[in-house]
Amino acid sequence: MSAIDIFAWIVLIVLAASTIFVIVFMAMLPGTIAKRRNHPWKDAVSIGGWVTLFFGFTLWPLVLIWAYVDVPRAPRPEPTP
């Protein structure tokens, strides 16, 4: 093996590792955001981030938006005097 062959293998390994890292990071991102924001459905958002991994990240932007959107709370009834 020449030096160029070894360099090519190193580049290939680094590219493969960085691609895997980016994919895992993107799958974890909505769940991490939902947990940090104390989202009421943080577990569902986290699972949604991983499920979109199998569908080619087609619904990933929706899961990311869902991580930022909180459910509005029910209004409190006014106390009667």
PDB file of N, CA and C in Angstrom:
ATOM      1  N   MET A   1       0.838  -1.182   0.000  1.00  0.00           N
ATOM      2  CA  MET A   1       0.000   0.000   0.000  1.00  0.00           C
ATOM      3  C   MET A   1       0.881   1.242   0.000  1.00  0.00           C
ATOM      4  N   SER A   2       0.489   2.158  -0.802  1.00  0.00           N
ATOM      5  CA  SER A   2       1.244   3.407  -0.854  1.00  0.00           C
ATOM      6  C   SER A   2       0.661   4.392   0.165  1.00  0.00           C
ATOM      7  N   ALA A   3       1.334   5.510   0.313  1.00  0.00           N
ATOM      8  CA  ALA A   3       0.894   6.532   1.265  1.00  0.00           C
ATOM      9  C   ALA A   3      -0.449   7.122   0.851  1.00  0.00           C
ATOM     10  N   ILE A   4      -0.693   7.221  -0.446  1.00  0.00           N
ATOM     11  CA  ILE A   4      -1.963   7.771  -0.922  1.00  0.00           C
ATOM     12  C   ILE A   4      -3.107   6.820  -0.601  1.00  0.00           C
ATOM     13  N   ASP A   5      -2.875   5.509  -0.679  1.00  0.00           N
ATOM     14  CA  ASP A   5      -3.907   4.536  -0.332  1.00  0.00           C
ATOM     15  C   ASP A   5      -4.269   4.630   1.154  1.00  0.00           C
ATOM     16  N   ILE A   6      -3.268   4.775   1.992  1.00  0.00           N
ATOM     17  CA  ILE A   6      -3.522   4.894   3.426  1.00  0.00           C
ATOM     18  C   ILE A   6      -4.276   6.182   3.722  1.00  0.00           C
ATOM     19  N   PHE A   7      -3.884   7.264   3.078  1.00  0.00           N
ATOM     20  CA  PHE A   7      -4.573   8.544   3.252  1.00  0.00           C
ATOM     21  C   PHE A   7      -6.022   8.436   2.788  1.00  0.00           C
ATOM     22  N   ALA A   8      -6.278   7.750   1.695  1.00  0.00           N
ATOM     23  CA  ALA A   8      -7.639   7.577   1.192  1.00  0.00           C
ATOM     24  C   ALA A   8      -8.496   6.794   2.189  1.00  0.00           C
ATOM     25  N   TRP A   9      -7.928   5.744   2.798  1.00  0.00           N
ATOM     26  CA  TRP A   9      -8.663   4.983   3.793  1.00  0.00           C
ATOM     27  C   TRP A   9      -8.976   5.834   5.021  1.00  0.00           C
ATOM     28  N   ILE A  10      -8.031   6.657   5.438  1.00  0.00           N
ATOM     29  CA  ILE A  10      -8.258   7.538   6.595  1.00  0.00           C
ATOM     30  C   ILE A  10      -9.378   8.522   6.297  1.00  0.00           C
ATOM     31  N   VAL A  11      -9.351   9.104   5.113  1.00  0.00           N
ATOM     32  CA  VAL A  11     -10.408  10.048   4.722  1.00  0.00           C
ATOM     33  C   VAL A  11     -11.756   9.343   4.673  1.00  0.00           C
ATOM     34  N   LEU A  12     -11.790   8.132   4.127  1.00  0.00           N
ATOM     35  CA  LEU A  12     -13.037   7.378   4.053  1.00  0.00           C
ATOM     36  C   LEU A  12     -13.592   7.071   5.441  1.00  0.00           C
ATOM     37  N   ILE A  13     -12.742   6.680   6.362  1.00  0.00           N
ATOM     38  CA  ILE A  13     -13.186   6.375   7.722  1.00  0.00           C
ATOM     39  C   ILE A  13     -13.686   7.627   8.427  1.00  0.00           C
ATOM     40  N   VAL A  14     -12.982   8.743   8.253  1.00  0.00           N
ATOM     41  CA  VAL A  14     -13.410   9.995   8.879  1.00  0.00           C
ATOM     42  C   VAL A  14     -14.754  10.454   8.308  1.00  0.00           C
ATOM     43  N   LEU A  15     -14.943  10.336   7.009  1.00  0.00           N
ATOM     44  CA  LEU A  15     -16.213  10.724   6.398  1.00  0.00           C
ATOM     45  C   LEU A  15     -17.357   9.832   6.876  1.00  0.00           C
ATOM     46  N   ALA A  16     -17.122   8.547   6.963  1.00  0.00           N
ATOM     47  CA  ALA A  16     -18.164   7.632   7.433  1.00  0.00           C
ATOM     48  C   ALA A  16     -18.524   7.917   8.891  1.00  0.00           C
ATOM     49  N   ALA A  17     -17.520   8.124   9.722  1.00  0.00           N
ATOM     50  CA  ALA A  17     -17.772   8.408  11.138  1.00  0.00           C
ATOM     51  C   ALA A  17     -18.502   9.734  11.318  1.00  0.00           C
ATOM     52  N   SER A  18     -18.122  10.751  10.561  1.00  0.00           N
ATOM     53  CA  SER A  18     -18.792  12.045  10.695  1.00  0.00           C
ATOM     54  C   SER A  18     -20.219  11.986  10.167  1.00  0.00           C
ATOM     55  N   THR A  19     -20.474  11.195   9.143  1.00  0.00           N
ATOM     56  CA  THR A  19     -21.836  11.034   8.635  1.00  0.00           C
ATOM     57  C   THR A  19     -22.722  10.356   9.670  1.00  0.00           C
ATOM     58  N   ILE A  20     -22.215   9.321  10.301  1.00  0.00           N
ATOM     59  CA  ILE A  20     -22.973   8.640  11.354  1.00  0.00           C
ATOM     60  C   ILE A  20     -23.226   9.582  12.524  1.00  0.00           C
ATOM     61  N   PHE A  21     -22.237  10.368  12.898  1.00  0.00           N
ATOM     62  CA  PHE A  21     -22.393  11.326  13.994  1.00  0.00           C
ATOM     63  C   PHE A  21     -23.478  12.349  13.679  1.00  0.00           C
ATOM     64  N   VAL A  22     -23.491  12.888  12.470  1.00  0.00           N
ATOM     65  CA  VAL A  22     -24.486  13.898  12.095  1.00  0.00           C
ATOM     66  C   VAL A  22     -25.887  13.294  12.090  1.00  0.00           C
ATOM     67  N   ILE A  23     -26.039  12.082  11.599  1.00  0.00           N
ATOM     68  CA  ILE A  23     -27.351  11.436  11.564  1.00  0.00           C
ATOM     69  C   ILE A  23     -27.866  11.184  12.979  1.00  0.00           C
ATOM     70  N   VAL A  24     -27.012  10.684  13.857  1.00  0.00           N
ATOM     71  CA  VAL A  24     -27.420  10.438  15.244  1.00  0.00           C
ATOM     72  C   VAL A  24     -27.720  11.753  15.951  1.00  0.00           C
ATOM     73  N   PHE A  25     -26.935  12.777  15.704  1.00  0.00           N
ATOM     74  CA  PHE A  25     -27.167  14.089  16.311  1.00  0.00           C
ATOM     75  C   PHE A  25     -28.514  14.659  15.879  1.00  0.00           C
ATOM     76  N   MET A  26     -28.828  14.544  14.589  1.00  0.00           N
ATOM     77  CA  MET A  26     -30.104  15.058  14.090  1.00  0.00           C
ATOM     78  C   MET A  26     -31.278  14.254  14.643  1.00  0.00           C
ATOM     79  N   ALA A  27     -31.107  12.964  14.852  1.00  0.00           N
ATOM     80  CA  ALA A  27     -32.183  12.154  15.415  1.00  0.00           C
ATOM     81  C   ALA A  27     -32.415  12.490  16.888  1.00  0.00           C
ATOM     82  N   MET A  28     -31.362  12.851  17.605  1.00  0.00           N
ATOM     83  CA  MET A  28     -31.471  13.174  19.025  1.00  0.00           C
ATOM     84  C   MET A  28     -31.918  14.613  19.290  1.00  0.00           C
ATOM     85  N   LEU A  29     -31.745  15.494  18.333  1.00  0.00           N
ATOM     86  CA  LEU A  29     -31.966  16.927  18.559  1.00  0.00           C
ATOM     87  C   LEU A  29     -33.390  17.273  19.007  1.00  0.00           C
ATOM     88  N   PRO A  30     -34.460  16.814  18.351  1.00  0.00           N
ATOM     89  CA  PRO A  30     -35.799  17.193  18.834  1.00  0.00           C
ATOM     90  C   PRO A  30     -36.077  16.724  20.261  1.00  0.00           C
ATOM     91  N   GLY A  31     -35.665  15.517  20.598  1.00  0.00           N
ATOM     92  CA  GLY A  31     -35.881  15.027  21.957  1.00  0.00           C
ATOM     93  C   GLY A  31     -35.108  15.819  22.988  1.00  0.00           C
ATOM     94  N   THR A  32     -33.890  16.203  22.646  1.00  0.00           N
ATOM     95  CA  THR A  32     -33.077  17.007  23.565  1.00  0.00           C
ATOM     96  C   THR A  32     -33.702  18.373  23.792  1.00  0.00           C
ATOM     97  N   ILE A  33     -34.196  18.983  22.722  1.00  0.00           N
ATOM     98  CA  ILE A  33     -34.841  20.293  22.845  1.00  0.00           C
ATOM     99  C   ILE A  33     -36.107  20.178  23.687  1.00  0.00           C
ATOM    100  N   ALA A  34     -36.899  19.132  23.434  1.00  0.00           N
ATOM    101  CA  ALA A  34     -38.145  18.956  24.189  1.00  0.00           C
ATOM    102  C   ALA A  34     -37.863  18.733  25.676  1.00  0.00           C
ATOM    103  N   LYS A  35     -36.835  17.970  26.001  1.00  0.00           N
ATOM    104  CA  LYS A  35     -36.499  17.741  27.411  1.00  0.00           C
ATOM    105  C   LYS A  35     -35.996  19.015  28.071  1.00  0.00           C
ATOM    106  N   ARG A  36     -35.212  19.790  27.351  1.00  0.00           N
ATOM    107  CA  ARG A  36     -34.689  21.042  27.901  1.00  0.00           C
ATOM    108  C   ARG A  36     -35.815  22.047  28.140  1.00  0.00           C
ATOM    109  N   ARG A  37     -36.822  22.044  27.272  1.00  0.00           N
ATOM    110  CA  ARG A  37     -37.935  22.979  27.407  1.00  0.00           C
ATOM    111  C   ARG A  37     -39.067  22.431  28.278  1.00  0.00           C
ATOM    112  N   ASN A  38     -38.870  21.225  28.829  1.00  0.00           N
ATOM    113  CA  ASN A  38     -39.861  20.570  29.684  1.00  0.00           C
ATOM    114  C   ASN A  38     -41.201  20.440  28.963  1.00  0.00           C
ATOM    115  N   HIS A  39     -41.139  19.907  27.764  1.00  0.00           N
ATOM    116  CA  HIS A  39     -42.325  19.703  26.930  1.00  0.00           C
ATOM    117  C   HIS A  39     -43.202  18.626  27.568  1.00  0.00           C
ATOM    118  N   PRO A  40     -44.535  18.784  27.523  1.00  0.00           N
ATOM    119  CA  PRO A  40     -45.389  17.774  28.149  1.00  0.00           C
ATOM    120  C   PRO A  40     -45.290  16.394  27.480  1.00  0.00           C
ATOM    121  N   TRP A  41     -44.948  16.350  26.199  1.00  0.00           N
ATOM    122  CA  TRP A  41     -44.824  15.076  25.475  1.00  0.00           C
ATOM    123  C   TRP A  41     -43.386  14.861  25.022  1.00  0.00           C
ATOM    124  N   LYS A  42     -42.451  15.066  25.929  1.00  0.00           N
ATOM    125  CA  LYS A  42     -41.033  14.978  25.561  1.00  0.00           C
ATOM    126  C   LYS A  42     -40.624  13.583  25.100  1.00  0.00           C
ATOM    127  N   ASP A  43     -41.222  12.549  25.662  1.00  0.00           N
ATOM    128  CA  ASP A  43     -40.881  11.191  25.237  1.00  0.00           C
ATOM    129  C   ASP A  43     -41.373  10.919  23.814  1.00  0.00           C
ATOM    130  N   ALA A  44     -42.567  11.404  23.495  1.00  0.00           N
ATOM    131  CA  ALA A  44     -43.097  11.208  22.146  1.00  0.00           C
ATOM    132  C   ALA A  44     -42.277  11.980  21.120  1.00  0.00           C
ATOM    133  N   VAL A  45     -41.828  13.175  21.466  1.00  0.00           N
ATOM    134  CA  VAL A  45     -40.990  13.952  20.554  1.00  0.00           C
ATOM    135  C   VAL A  45     -39.658  13.244  20.338  1.00  0.00           C
ATOM    136  N   SER A  46     -39.099  12.692  21.403  1.00  0.00           N
ATOM    137  CA  SER A  46     -37.839  11.971  21.288  1.00  0.00           C
ATOM    138  C   SER A  46     -37.982  10.744  20.390  1.00  0.00           C
ATOM    139  N   ILE A  47     -39.049   9.984  20.571  1.00  0.00           N
ATOM    140  CA  ILE A  47     -39.295   8.816  19.714  1.00  0.00           C
ATOM    141  C   ILE A  47     -39.538   9.252  18.284  1.00  0.00           C
ATOM    142  N   GLY A  48     -40.256  10.350  18.102  1.00  0.00           N
ATOM    143  CA  GLY A  48     -40.496  10.870  16.750  1.00  0.00           C
ATOM    144  C   GLY A  48     -39.214  11.237  16.037  1.00  0.00           C
ATOM    145  N   GLY A  49     -38.254  11.775  16.756  1.00  0.00           N
ATOM    146  CA  GLY A  49     -36.966  12.089  16.145  1.00  0.00           C
ATOM    147  C   GLY A  49     -36.253  10.854  15.644  1.00  0.00           C
ATOM    148  N   TRP A  50     -36.328   9.764  16.412  1.00  0.00           N
ATOM    149  CA  TRP A  50     -35.671   8.523  15.994  1.00  0.00           C
ATOM    150  C   TRP A  50     -36.451   7.806  14.893  1.00  0.00           C
ATOM    151  N   VAL A  51     -37.782   7.895  14.924  1.00  0.00           N
ATOM    152  CA  VAL A  51     -38.590   7.235  13.898  1.00  0.00           C
ATOM    153  C   VAL A  51     -38.353   7.881  12.537  1.00  0.00           C
ATOM    154  N   THR A  52     -38.185   9.193  12.518  1.00  0.00           N
ATOM    155  CA  THR A  52     -37.929   9.853  11.229  1.00  0.00           C
ATOM    156  C   THR A  52     -36.606   9.422  10.625  1.00  0.00           C
ATOM    157  N   LEU A  53     -35.714   8.887  11.442  1.00  0.00           N
ATOM    158  CA  LEU A  53     -34.457   8.356  10.922  1.00  0.00           C
ATOM    159  C   LEU A  53     -34.711   7.231   9.918  1.00  0.00           C
ATOM    160  N   PHE A  54     -35.721   6.417  10.178  1.00  0.00           N
ATOM    161  CA  PHE A  54     -36.026   5.294   9.297  1.00  0.00           C
ATOM    162  C   PHE A  54     -36.799   5.719   8.051  1.00  0.00           C
ATOM    163  N   PHE A  55     -37.402   6.897   8.090  1.00  0.00           N
ATOM    164  CA  PHE A  55     -38.149   7.395   6.944  1.00  0.00           C
ATOM    165  C   PHE A  55     -37.371   8.438   6.160  1.00  0.00           C
ATOM    166  N   GLY A  56     -36.105   8.497   6.357  1.00  0.00           N
ATOM    167  CA  GLY A  56     -35.261   9.409   5.583  1.00  0.00           C
ATOM    168  C   GLY A  56     -35.398  10.863   5.978  1.00  0.00           C
ATOM    169  N   PHE A  57     -35.759  11.123   7.227  1.00  0.00           N
ATOM    170  CA  PHE A  57     -35.892  12.485   7.764  1.00  0.00           C
ATOM    171  C   PHE A  57     -36.930  13.309   7.020  1.00  0.00           C
ATOM    172  N   THR A  58     -37.948  12.663   6.398  1.00  0.00           N
ATOM    173  CA  THR A  58     -38.957  13.438   5.683  1.00  0.00           C
ATOM    174  C   THR A  58     -39.857  14.207   6.637  1.00  0.00           C
ATOM    175  N   LEU A  59     -40.173  13.642   7.784  1.00  0.00           N
ATOM    176  CA  LEU A  59     -41.033  14.320   8.754  1.00  0.00           C
ATOM    177  C   LEU A  59     -40.238  14.966   9.886  1.00  0.00           C
ATOM    178  N   TRP A  60     -38.924  14.975   9.782  1.00  0.00           N
ATOM    179  CA  TRP A  60     -38.077  15.524  10.833  1.00  0.00           C
ATOM    180  C   TRP A  60     -38.364  17.000  11.127  1.00  0.00           C
ATOM    181  N   PRO A  61     -38.597  17.857  10.113  1.00  0.00           N
ATOM    182  CA  PRO A  61     -38.912  19.253  10.451  1.00  0.00           C
ATOM    183  C   PRO A  61     -40.183  19.393  11.284  1.00  0.00           C
ATOM    184  N   LEU A  62     -41.170  18.537  11.058  1.00  0.00           N
ATOM    185  CA  LEU A  62     -42.388  18.599  11.873  1.00  0.00           C
ATOM    186  C   LEU A  62     -42.111  18.214  13.321  1.00  0.00           C
ATOM    187  N   VAL A  63     -41.273  17.217  13.513  1.00  0.00           N
ATOM    188  CA  VAL A  63     -40.926  16.807  14.881  1.00  0.00           C
ATOM    189  C   VAL A  63     -40.117  17.912  15.561  1.00  0.00           C
ATOM    190  N   LEU A  64     -39.266  18.579  14.818  1.00  0.00           N
ATOM    191  CA  LEU A  64     -38.482  19.678  15.393  1.00  0.00           C
ATOM    192  C   LEU A  64     -39.399  20.838  15.787  1.00  0.00           C
ATOM    193  N   ILE A  65     -40.373  21.153  14.957  1.00  0.00           N
ATOM    194  CA  ILE A  65     -41.338  22.200  15.310  1.00  0.00           C
ATOM    195  C   ILE A  65     -42.142  21.777  16.535  1.00  0.00           C
ATOM    196  N   TRP A  66     -42.522  20.505  16.591  1.00  0.00           N
ATOM    197  CA  TRP A  66     -43.277  19.989  17.722  1.00  0.00           C
ATOM    198  C   TRP A  66     -42.481  20.118  19.015  1.00  0.00           C
ATOM    199  N   ALA A  67     -41.173  20.002  18.950  1.00  0.00           N
ATOM    200  CA  ALA A  67     -40.335  20.141  20.147  1.00  0.00           C
ATOM    201  C   ALA A  67     -40.389  21.559  20.703  1.00  0.00           C
ATOM    202  N   TYR A  68     -40.631  22.535  19.847  1.00  0.00           N
ATOM    203  CA  TYR A  68     -40.677  23.931  20.288  1.00  0.00           C
ATOM    204  C   TYR A  68     -42.077  24.389  20.674  1.00  0.00           C
ATOM    205  N   VAL A  69     -43.111  23.683  20.234  1.00  0.00           N
ATOM    206  CA  VAL A  69     -44.480  24.122  20.483  1.00  0.00           C
ATOM    207  C   VAL A  69     -45.004  23.444  21.737  1.00  0.00           C
ATOM    208  N   ASP A  70     -45.441  24.252  22.672  1.00  0.00           N
ATOM    209  CA  ASP A  70     -46.042  23.728  23.894  1.00  0.00           C
ATOM    210  C   ASP A  70     -47.557  23.722  23.746  1.00  0.00           C
ATOM    211  N   VAL A  71     -48.184  22.827  24.470  1.00  0.00           N
ATOM    212  CA  VAL A  71     -49.633  22.758  24.472  1.00  0.00           C
ATOM    213  C   VAL A  71     -50.155  23.884  25.346  1.00  0.00           C
ATOM    214  N   PRO A  72     -51.128  24.647  24.853  1.00  0.00           N
ATOM    215  CA  PRO A  72     -51.663  25.700  25.726  1.00  0.00           C
ATOM    216  C   PRO A  72     -52.384  25.098  26.929  1.00  0.00           C
ATOM    217  N   ARG A  73     -52.172  25.708  28.044  1.00  0.00           N
ATOM    218  CA  ARG A  73     -52.790  25.201  29.272  1.00  0.00           C
ATOM    219  C   ARG A  73     -54.247  25.638  29.331  1.00  0.00           C
ATOM    220  N   ALA A  74     -55.051  24.831  29.982  1.00  0.00           N
ATOM    221  CA  ALA A  74     -56.475  25.163  30.151  1.00  0.00           C
ATOM    222  C   ALA A  74     -56.596  26.387  31.050  1.00  0.00           C
ATOM    223  N   PRO A  75     -57.487  27.287  30.705  1.00  0.00           N
ATOM    224  CA  PRO A  75     -57.635  28.485  31.562  1.00  0.00           C
ATOM    225  C   PRO A  75     -58.200  28.108  32.921  1.00  0.00           C
ATOM    226  N   ARG A  76     -57.717  28.802  33.913  1.00  0.00           N
ATOM    227  CA  ARG A  76     -58.186  28.562  35.279  1.00  0.00           C
ATOM    228  C   ARG A  76     -59.544  29.234  35.455  1.00  0.00           C
ATOM    229  N   PRO A  77     -60.449  28.554  36.126  1.00  0.00           N
ATOM    230  CA  PRO A  77     -61.747  29.220  36.382  1.00  0.00           C
ATOM    231  C   PRO A  77     -61.572  30.337  37.397  1.00  0.00           C
ATOM    232  N   GLU A  78     -62.354  31.366  37.211  1.00  0.00           N
ATOM    233  CA  GLU A  78     -62.299  32.501  38.120  1.00  0.00           C
ATOM    234  C   GLU A  78     -62.921  32.087  39.465  1.00  0.00           C
ATOM    235  N   PRO A  79     -62.277  32.480  40.561  1.00  0.00           N
ATOM    236  CA  PRO A  79     -62.872  32.154  41.865  1.00  0.00           C
ATOM    237  C   PRO A  79     -64.143  32.973  42.095  1.00  0.00           C
ATOM    238  N   THR A  80     -65.132  32.321  42.620  1.00  0.00           N
ATOM    239  CA  THR A  80     -66.401  33.018  42.903  1.00  0.00           C
ATOM    240  C   THR A  80     -66.335  33.597  44.305  1.00  0.00           C
ATOM    241  N   PRO A  81     -66.711  34.860  44.444  1.00  0.00           N
ATOM    242  CA  PRO A  81     -66.681  35.481  45.793  1.00  0.00           C
ATOM    243  C   PRO A  81     -67.859  35.115  46.642  1.00  0.00           C
TER     244      PRO A  81
END
